[in-house]
Amino acid sequence: MTLTDSIRVLGKDHPNTLASRNNLAGTRQKAEAVQHGSTATSATEAALQKPSTAD
């Protein structure tokens, strides 16, 4: 059951609906962290590949 279905069938304050909202928020947060992590990794790799200008 999707969150939308849960809200429609059970109501917005039903414990299962609230659990679904919580699970969705956690999943979104993890996906964001992965996205930011891959961006940070790419930036680090790019910085490591630049030739050093300090001699």
PDB file of N, CA and C in Angstrom:
ATOM      1  N   MET A   1       0.854  -1.168   0.000  1.00  0.00           N
ATOM      2  CA  MET A   1       0.000   0.000   0.000  1.00  0.00           C
ATOM      3  C   MET A   1       0.900   1.232   0.000  1.00  0.00           C
ATOM      4  N   THR A   2       0.585   2.171  -0.858  1.00  0.00           N
ATOM      5  CA  THR A   2       1.352   3.413  -0.907  1.00  0.00           C
ATOM      6  C   THR A   2       0.891   4.351   0.207  1.00  0.00           C
ATOM      7  N   LEU A   3       1.664   5.370   0.428  1.00  0.00           N
ATOM      8  CA  LEU A   3       1.289   6.357   1.436  1.00  0.00           C
ATOM      9  C   LEU A   3      -0.054   7.001   1.085  1.00  0.00           C
ATOM     10  N   THR A   4      -0.240   7.313  -0.177  1.00  0.00           N
ATOM     11  CA  THR A   4      -1.504   7.921  -0.608  1.00  0.00           C
ATOM     12  C   THR A   4      -2.679   6.995  -0.304  1.00  0.00           C
ATOM     13  N   ASP A   5      -2.513   5.713  -0.586  1.00  0.00           N
ATOM     14  CA  ASP A   5      -3.570   4.737  -0.290  1.00  0.00           C
ATOM     15  C   ASP A   5      -3.819   4.651   1.205  1.00  0.00           C
ATOM     16  N   SER A   6      -2.740   4.645   1.967  1.00  0.00           N
ATOM     17  CA  SER A   6      -2.859   4.550   3.418  1.00  0.00           C
ATOM     18  C   SER A   6      -3.643   5.737   3.983  1.00  0.00           C
ATOM     19  N   ILE A   7      -3.353   6.912   3.490  1.00  0.00           N
ATOM     20  CA  ILE A   7      -4.074   8.104   3.941  1.00  0.00           C
ATOM     21  C   ILE A   7      -5.550   7.997   3.569  1.00  0.00           C
ATOM     22  N   ARG A   8      -5.814   7.564   2.345  1.00  0.00           N
ATOM     23  CA  ARG A   8      -7.191   7.474   1.857  1.00  0.00           C
ATOM     24  C   ARG A   8      -7.980   6.410   2.615  1.00  0.00           C
ATOM     25  N   VAL A   9      -7.383   5.243   2.848  1.00  0.00           N
ATOM     26  CA  VAL A   9      -8.103   4.123   3.450  1.00  0.00           C
ATOM     27  C   VAL A   9      -8.117   4.196   4.973  1.00  0.00           C
ATOM     28  N   LEU A  10      -6.967   4.491   5.568  1.00  0.00           N
ATOM     29  CA  LEU A  10      -6.848   4.439   7.023  1.00  0.00           C
ATOM     30  C   LEU A  10      -7.005   5.793   7.709  1.00  0.00           C
ATOM     31  N   GLY A  11      -6.686   6.863   6.981  1.00  0.00           N
ATOM     32  CA  GLY A  11      -6.717   8.196   7.577  1.00  0.00           C
ATOM     33  C   GLY A  11      -5.312   8.686   7.867  1.00  0.00           C
ATOM     34  N   LYS A  12      -5.183  10.003   7.933  1.00  0.00           N
ATOM     35  CA  LYS A  12      -3.838  10.592   8.076  1.00  0.00           C
ATOM     36  C   LYS A  12      -3.203  10.373   9.439  1.00  0.00           C
ATOM     37  N   ASP A  13      -3.996  10.083  10.458  1.00  0.00           N
ATOM     38  CA  ASP A  13      -3.438   9.916  11.806  1.00  0.00           C
ATOM     39  C   ASP A  13      -3.375   8.462  12.266  1.00  0.00           C
ATOM     40  N   HIS A  14      -3.687   7.532  11.373  1.00  0.00           N
ATOM     41  CA  HIS A  14      -3.621   6.114  11.727  1.00  0.00           C
ATOM     42  C   HIS A  14      -2.156   5.715  11.948  1.00  0.00           C
ATOM     43  N   PRO A  15      -1.890   4.854  12.927  1.00  0.00           N
ATOM     44  CA  PRO A  15      -0.502   4.454  13.200  1.00  0.00           C
ATOM     45  C   PRO A  15       0.234   3.877  11.986  1.00  0.00           C
ATOM     46  N   ASN A  16      -0.449   3.112  11.148  1.00  0.00           N
ATOM     47  CA  ASN A  16       0.209   2.560   9.961  1.00  0.00           C
ATOM     48  C   ASN A  16       0.545   3.649   8.943  1.00  0.00           C
ATOM     49  N   THR A  17      -0.313   4.651   8.830  1.00  0.00           N
ATOM     50  CA  THR A  17      -0.036   5.777   7.938  1.00  0.00           C
ATOM     51  C   THR A  17       1.161   6.565   8.450  1.00  0.00           C
ATOM     52  N   LEU A  18       1.198   6.787   9.746  1.00  0.00           N
ATOM     53  CA  LEU A  18       2.328   7.523  10.333  1.00  0.00           C
ATOM     54  C   LEU A  18       3.628   6.745  10.171  1.00  0.00           C
ATOM     55  N   ALA A  19       3.556   5.430  10.306  1.00  0.00           N
ATOM     56  CA  ALA A  19       4.745   4.597  10.106  1.00  0.00           C
ATOM     57  C   ALA A  19       5.207   4.681   8.646  1.00  0.00           C
ATOM     58  N   SER A  20       4.254   4.694   7.724  1.00  0.00           N
ATOM     59  CA  SER A  20       4.602   4.825   6.296  1.00  0.00           C
ATOM     60  C   SER A  20       5.281   6.158   6.018  1.00  0.00           C
ATOM     61  N   ARG A  21       4.760   7.216   6.614  1.00  0.00           N
ATOM     62  CA  ARG A  21       5.392   8.545   6.456  1.00  0.00           C
ATOM     63  C   ARG A  21       6.819   8.529   6.995  1.00  0.00           C
ATOM     64  N   ASN A  22       6.997   7.925   8.144  1.00  0.00           N
ATOM     65  CA  ASN A  22       8.315   7.845   8.758  1.00  0.00           C
ATOM     66  C   ASN A  22       9.277   7.044   7.879  1.00  0.00           C
ATOM     67  N   ASN A  23       8.806   5.919   7.369  1.00  0.00           N
ATOM     68  CA  ASN A  23       9.651   5.089   6.505  1.00  0.00           C
ATOM     69  C   ASN A  23      10.037   5.837   5.235  1.00  0.00           C
ATOM     70  N   LEU A  24       9.091   6.552   4.656  1.00  0.00           N
ATOM     71  CA  LEU A  24       9.370   7.320   3.446  1.00  0.00           C
ATOM     72  C   LEU A  24      10.402   8.415   3.728  1.00  0.00           C
ATOM     73  N   ALA A  25      10.247   9.092   4.851  1.00  0.00           N
ATOM     74  CA  ALA A  25      11.207  10.148   5.213  1.00  0.00           C
ATOM     75  C   ALA A  25      12.607   9.572   5.394  1.00  0.00           C
ATOM     76  N   GLY A  26      12.692   8.425   6.051  1.00  0.00           N
ATOM     77  CA  GLY A  26      13.999   7.790   6.253  1.00  0.00           C
ATOM     78  C   GLY A  26      14.637   7.374   4.942  1.00  0.00           C
ATOM     79  N   THR A  27      13.838   6.836   4.044  1.00  0.00           N
ATOM     80  CA  THR A  27      14.346   6.411   2.738  1.00  0.00           C
ATOM     81  C   THR A  27      14.835   7.602   1.936  1.00  0.00           C
ATOM     82  N   ARG A  28      14.074   8.687   1.966  1.00  0.00           N
ATOM     83  CA  ARG A  28      14.495   9.902   1.248  1.00  0.00           C
ATOM     84  C   ARG A  28      15.798  10.451   1.831  1.00  0.00           C
ATOM     85  N   GLN A  29      15.910  10.421   3.137  1.00  0.00           N
ATOM     86  CA  GLN A  29      17.111  10.927   3.791  1.00  0.00           C
ATOM     87  C   GLN A  29      18.332  10.097   3.401  1.00  0.00           C
ATOM     88  N   LYS A  30      18.168   8.780   3.369  1.00  0.00           N
ATOM     89  CA  LYS A  30      19.284   7.904   2.979  1.00  0.00           C
ATOM     90  C   LYS A  30      19.668   8.125   1.523  1.00  0.00           C
ATOM     91  N   ALA A  31      18.675   8.289   0.657  1.00  0.00           N
ATOM     92  CA  ALA A  31      18.955   8.525  -0.760  1.00  0.00           C
ATOM     93  C   ALA A  31      19.710   9.835  -0.949  1.00  0.00           C
ATOM     94  N   GLU A  32      19.329  10.850  -0.187  1.00  0.00           N
ATOM     95  CA  GLU A  32      20.021  12.144  -0.252  1.00  0.00           C
ATOM     96  C   GLU A  32      21.468  12.008   0.204  1.00  0.00           C
ATOM     97  N   ALA A  33      21.681  11.244   1.265  1.00  0.00           N
ATOM     98  CA  ALA A  33      23.035  11.050   1.782  1.00  0.00           C
ATOM     99  C   ALA A  33      23.900  10.322   0.761  1.00  0.00           C
ATOM    100  N   VAL A  34      23.337   9.342   0.095  1.00  0.00           N
ATOM    101  CA  VAL A  34      24.079   8.612  -0.937  1.00  0.00           C
ATOM    102  C   VAL A  34      24.421   9.548  -2.086  1.00  0.00           C
ATOM    103  N   GLN A  35      23.455  10.366  -2.487  1.00  0.00           N
ATOM    104  CA  GLN A  35      23.689  11.303  -3.584  1.00  0.00           C
ATOM    105  C   GLN A  35      24.790  12.294  -3.217  1.00  0.00           C
ATOM    106  N   HIS A  36      24.744  12.837  -2.009  1.00  0.00           N
ATOM    107  CA  HIS A  36      25.770  13.790  -1.580  1.00  0.00           C
ATOM    108  C   HIS A  36      27.116  13.103  -1.413  1.00  0.00           C
ATOM    109  N   GLY A  37      27.097  11.882  -0.971  1.00  0.00           N
ATOM    110  CA  GLY A  37      28.341  11.124  -0.812  1.00  0.00           C
ATOM    111  C   GLY A  37      29.014  10.879  -2.137  1.00  0.00           C
ATOM    112  N   SER A  38      28.244  10.538  -3.168  1.00  0.00           N
ATOM    113  CA  SER A  38      28.842  10.291  -4.473  1.00  0.00           C
ATOM    114  C   SER A  38      29.372  11.587  -5.067  1.00  0.00           C
ATOM    115  N   THR A  39      28.708  12.704  -4.790  1.00  0.00           N
ATOM    116  CA  THR A  39      29.188  14.009  -5.257  1.00  0.00           C
ATOM    117  C   THR A  39      30.498  14.355  -4.559  1.00  0.00           C
ATOM    118  N   ALA A  40      30.559  14.112  -3.260  1.00  0.00           N
ATOM    119  CA  ALA A  40      31.780  14.401  -2.506  1.00  0.00           C
ATOM    120  C   ALA A  40      32.917  13.504  -2.975  1.00  0.00           C
ATOM    121  N   THR A  41      32.617  12.244  -3.247  1.00  0.00           N
ATOM    122  CA  THR A  41      33.639  11.318  -3.727  1.00  0.00           C
ATOM    123  C   THR A  41      34.165  11.772  -5.080  1.00  0.00           C
ATOM    124  N   SER A  42      33.283  12.193  -5.964  1.00  0.00           N
ATOM    125  CA  SER A  42      33.699  12.668  -7.286  1.00  0.00           C
ATOM    126  C   SER A  42      34.582  13.899  -7.168  1.00  0.00           C
ATOM    127  N   ALA A  43      34.214  14.816  -6.281  1.00  0.00           N
ATOM    128  CA  ALA A  43      35.012  16.028  -6.085  1.00  0.00           C
ATOM    129  C   ALA A  43      36.392  15.688  -5.524  1.00  0.00           C
ATOM    130  N   THR A  44      36.436  14.739  -4.608  1.00  0.00           N
ATOM    131  CA  THR A  44      37.714  14.324  -4.030  1.00  0.00           C
ATOM    132  C   THR A  44      38.592  13.669  -5.089  1.00  0.00           C
ATOM    133  N   GLU A  45      38.006  12.796  -5.900  1.00  0.00           N
ATOM    134  CA  GLU A  45      38.764  12.141  -6.964  1.00  0.00           C
ATOM    135  C   GLU A  45      39.308  13.160  -7.956  1.00  0.00           C
ATOM    136  N   ALA A  46      38.498  14.146  -8.297  1.00  0.00           N
ATOM    137  CA  ALA A  46      38.933  15.180  -9.235  1.00  0.00           C
ATOM    138  C   ALA A  46      40.092  15.978  -8.647  1.00  0.00           C
ATOM    139  N   ALA A  47      39.995  16.296  -7.362  1.00  0.00           N
ATOM    140  CA  ALA A  47      41.062  17.061  -6.710  1.00  0.00           C
ATOM    141  C   ALA A  47      42.351  16.257  -6.653  1.00  0.00           C
ATOM    142  N   LEU A  48      42.251  14.971  -6.452  1.00  0.00           N
ATOM    143  CA  LEU A  48      43.445  14.127  -6.382  1.00  0.00           C
ATOM    144  C   LEU A  48      44.106  13.953  -7.745  1.00  0.00           C
ATOM    145  N   GLN A  49      43.355  14.101  -8.808  1.00  0.00           N
ATOM    146  CA  GLN A  49      43.899  13.921 -10.145  1.00  0.00           C
ATOM    147  C   GLN A  49      44.556  15.179 -10.697  1.00  0.00           C
ATOM    148  N   LYS A  50      44.312  16.328 -10.064  1.00  0.00           N
ATOM    149  CA  LYS A  50      44.931  17.575 -10.518  1.00  0.00           C
ATOM    150  C   LYS A  50      46.415  17.552 -10.187  1.00  0.00           C
ATOM    151  N   PRO A  51      47.234  18.017 -11.113  1.00  0.00           N
ATOM    152  CA  PRO A  51      48.665  18.092 -10.807  1.00  0.00           C
ATOM    153  C   PRO A  51      48.948  19.127  -9.727  1.00  0.00           C
ATOM    154  N   SER A  52      49.872  18.817  -8.892  1.00  0.00           N
ATOM    155  CA  SER A  52      50.240  19.721  -7.795  1.00  0.00           C
ATOM    156  C   SER A  52      50.980  20.926  -8.358  1.00  0.00           C
ATOM    157  N   THR A  53      50.622  22.130  -7.878  1.00  0.00           N
ATOM    158  CA  THR A  53      51.292  23.352  -8.335  1.00  0.00           C
ATOM    159  C   THR A  53      52.321  23.826  -7.343  1.00  0.00           C
ATOM    160  N   ALA A  54      52.325  23.235  -6.140  1.00  0.00           N
ATOM    161  CA  ALA A  54      53.296  23.642  -5.115  1.00  0.00           C
ATOM    162  C   ALA A  54      54.555  22.795  -5.257  1.00  0.00           C
ATOM    163  N   ASP A  55      55.667  23.426  -5.463  1.00  0.00           N
ATOM    164  CA  ASP A  55      56.962  22.732  -5.553  1.00  0.00           C
ATOM    165  C   ASP A  55      57.935  23.264  -4.564  1.00  0.00           C
TER     166      ASP A  55
END
